[in-house]
Amino acid sequence: MSEQPLHRAEPSADWRKLRAGDRVNVRMAPGYETAGLVDAVTGDHTAVWVDLDGGRGRTLLHCSDGVEILPLHP
């Protein structure tokens, strides 16, 4: 077990701006990204439900997952 203390996960500025209904681009790793629609956001913006395009389903993402969620501007 690690002796390192736990650190609070903090959402990025982009995550703090997200609202239900926003179109977003989800970058899971370099070269692996997809678009989707924000379904729900927790009050502290640390977790976001995204309904992925193309019938890929709804996924829960946490700010500590190392995933970027970027708003798509019309």
Protein backbone atom coordinates (compact mmCIF):
# COMPACT_ATOMS: atom_id res chain seq x y z
CA MET A 1 0.00 0.00 0.00
CA SER A 2 1.27 3.47 -0.88
CA GLU A 3 2.39 5.79 1.88
CA GLN A 4 1.42 8.81 -0.20
CA PRO A 5 -1.47 10.91 1.15
CA LEU A 6 -4.67 11.12 -0.87
CA HIS A 7 -5.19 14.27 -2.90
CA ARG A 8 -8.56 15.73 -3.77
CA ALA A 9 -9.34 15.43 -7.47
CA GLU A 10 -10.08 18.82 -9.00
CA PRO A 11 -11.93 19.25 -12.29
CA SER A 12 -10.34 21.41 -14.98
CA ALA A 13 -11.78 24.76 -16.00
CA ASP A 14 -13.40 23.07 -19.03
CA TRP A 15 -15.19 20.57 -16.79
CA ARG A 16 -16.50 23.37 -14.54
CA LYS A 17 -18.26 24.97 -17.54
CA LEU A 18 -20.13 21.80 -18.59
CA ARG A 19 -23.92 21.67 -18.43
CA ALA A 20 -26.47 19.01 -19.39
CA GLY A 21 -27.18 19.24 -23.11
CA ASP A 22 -23.70 20.48 -24.11
CA ARG A 23 -22.06 18.90 -27.16
CA VAL A 24 -18.55 17.76 -26.26
CA ASN A 25 -15.48 16.02 -27.59
CA VAL A 26 -14.14 13.30 -25.27
CA ARG A 27 -10.38 12.58 -25.54
CA MET A 28 -9.60 9.33 -23.78
CA ALA A 29 -6.00 9.05 -25.03
CA PRO A 30 -4.01 10.50 -27.93
CA GLY A 31 -5.75 9.35 -31.09
CA TYR A 32 -8.82 8.05 -29.23
CA GLU A 33 -11.61 10.56 -29.14
CA THR A 34 -15.31 10.75 -29.80
CA ALA A 35 -18.13 13.25 -29.53
CA GLY A 36 -21.21 13.09 -27.36
CA LEU A 37 -23.85 14.93 -25.41
CA VAL A 38 -23.52 15.74 -21.71
CA ASP A 39 -26.39 14.02 -19.93
CA ALA A 40 -25.62 15.04 -16.33
CA VAL A 41 -22.94 16.71 -14.22
CA THR A 42 -22.40 16.34 -10.47
CA GLY A 43 -22.73 19.47 -8.36
CA ASP A 44 -18.97 19.68 -7.79
CA HIS A 45 -18.23 18.99 -11.51
CA THR A 46 -15.94 16.05 -10.70
CA ALA A 47 -18.09 13.51 -12.58
CA VAL A 48 -19.90 13.81 -15.90
CA TRP A 49 -22.28 11.43 -17.67
CA VAL A 50 -21.83 11.59 -21.47
CA ASP A 51 -24.11 9.92 -24.02
CA LEU A 52 -21.57 9.01 -26.72
CA ASP A 53 -22.38 9.43 -30.41
CA GLY A 54 -22.84 6.46 -32.71
CA GLY A 55 -24.81 4.37 -30.24
CA ARG A 56 -21.74 3.79 -28.04
CA GLY A 57 -23.83 4.26 -24.91
CA ARG A 58 -23.75 6.44 -21.84
CA THR A 59 -20.52 6.60 -19.85
CA LEU A 60 -19.55 8.08 -16.50
CA LEU A 61 -16.27 10.00 -16.48
CA HIS A 62 -14.44 11.30 -13.41
CA CYS A 63 -11.93 14.16 -13.44
CA SER A 64 -9.25 11.81 -12.05
CA ASP A 65 -9.64 9.42 -15.03
CA GLY A 66 -7.18 11.40 -17.17
CA VAL A 67 -9.87 12.10 -19.77
CA GLU A 68 -10.39 15.48 -21.42
CA ILE A 69 -13.92 16.72 -22.09
CA LEU A 70 -13.92 19.75 -24.35
CA PRO A 71 -17.01 21.72 -25.37
CA LEU A 72 -17.80 21.71 -29.10
CA HIS A 73 -18.69 25.19 -30.23
CA PRO A 74 -21.39 25.51 -32.90
